[in-house]
Amino acid sequence: MEADMAEIVVRDARARHASEKPGDFAAGE
């Protein structure tokens, strides 16, 4: 369960980062 929660947190963090700085996020990928 901990792994699932961590994955959800990571996805949420990435989604927020993409929304705040789409250009920087794209460059990071």
N, C-alpha and C. Protein backbone atom coordinates (compact mmCIF):
# COMPACT_ATOMS: atom_id res chain seq x y z
N MET A 1 0.84 -1.22 0.00
CA MET A 1 0.00 0.00 0.00
C MET A 1 0.87 1.26 0.00
N GLU A 2 1.97 1.18 0.73
CA GLU A 2 2.85 2.36 0.79
C GLU A 2 3.36 2.72 -0.60
N ALA A 3 3.66 1.71 -1.39
CA ALA A 3 4.17 1.96 -2.74
C ALA A 3 3.10 2.66 -3.57
N ASP A 4 1.86 2.24 -3.43
CA ASP A 4 0.77 2.87 -4.18
C ASP A 4 0.62 4.33 -3.79
N MET A 5 0.67 4.60 -2.50
CA MET A 5 0.54 5.98 -2.03
C MET A 5 1.68 6.83 -2.56
N ALA A 6 2.87 6.30 -2.53
CA ALA A 6 4.04 7.04 -3.02
C ALA A 6 3.87 7.36 -4.50
N GLU A 7 3.36 6.40 -5.25
CA GLU A 7 3.18 6.61 -6.69
C GLU A 7 2.16 7.72 -6.93
N ILE A 8 1.09 7.70 -6.13
CA ILE A 8 0.05 8.74 -6.27
C ILE A 8 0.63 10.11 -5.94
N VAL A 9 1.43 10.18 -4.91
CA VAL A 9 2.04 11.44 -4.50
C VAL A 9 2.96 11.95 -5.61
N VAL A 10 3.73 11.05 -6.19
CA VAL A 10 4.66 11.44 -7.26
C VAL A 10 3.88 11.96 -8.46
N ARG A 11 2.82 11.25 -8.82
CA ARG A 11 2.01 11.68 -9.97
C ARG A 11 1.42 13.06 -9.71
N ASP A 12 0.92 13.26 -8.50
CA ASP A 12 0.32 14.55 -8.16
C ASP A 12 1.36 15.65 -8.22
N ALA A 13 2.54 15.37 -7.71
CA ALA A 13 3.62 16.37 -7.72
C ALA A 13 4.01 16.71 -9.15
N ARG A 14 4.12 15.69 -9.99
CA ARG A 14 4.50 15.93 -11.39
C ARG A 14 3.42 16.73 -12.10
N ALA A 15 2.17 16.40 -11.82
CA ALA A 15 1.04 17.09 -12.46
C ALA A 15 1.05 18.57 -12.06
N ARG A 16 1.29 18.83 -10.77
CA ARG A 16 1.33 20.22 -10.29
C ARG A 16 2.48 20.96 -10.95
N HIS A 17 3.63 20.32 -11.02
CA HIS A 17 4.81 20.95 -11.60
C HIS A 17 4.56 21.27 -13.07
N ALA A 18 3.90 20.34 -13.76
CA ALA A 18 3.61 20.54 -15.18
C ALA A 18 2.65 21.72 -15.36
N SER A 19 1.70 21.84 -14.45
CA SER A 19 0.71 22.92 -14.55
C SER A 19 1.37 24.27 -14.25
N GLU A 20 2.29 24.27 -13.28
CA GLU A 20 2.93 25.52 -12.90
C GLU A 20 3.99 25.94 -13.91
N LYS A 21 4.80 24.96 -14.35
CA LYS A 21 5.87 25.28 -15.30
C LYS A 21 5.93 24.23 -16.40
N PRO A 22 5.00 24.28 -17.34
CA PRO A 22 4.95 23.29 -18.44
C PRO A 22 6.24 23.27 -19.26
N GLY A 23 6.81 24.44 -19.50
CA GLY A 23 8.03 24.51 -20.29
C GLY A 23 9.19 23.83 -19.59
N ASP A 24 9.37 24.14 -18.30
CA ASP A 24 10.46 23.56 -17.54
C ASP A 24 10.25 22.06 -17.39
N PHE A 25 9.00 21.66 -17.19
CA PHE A 25 8.68 20.24 -17.01
C PHE A 25 9.03 19.47 -18.29
N ALA A 26 8.67 20.03 -19.44
CA ALA A 26 8.94 19.39 -20.72
C ALA A 26 10.45 19.26 -20.92
N ALA A 27 11.19 20.27 -20.52
CA ALA A 27 12.64 20.25 -20.68
C ALA A 27 13.24 19.18 -19.77
N GLY A 28 12.62 19.01 -18.58
CA GLY A 28 13.11 18.02 -17.63
C GLY A 28 12.94 16.61 -18.18
N GLU A 29 11.85 16.40 -18.89
CA GLU A 29 11.59 15.08 -19.46
C GLU A 29 12.58 14.84 -20.59
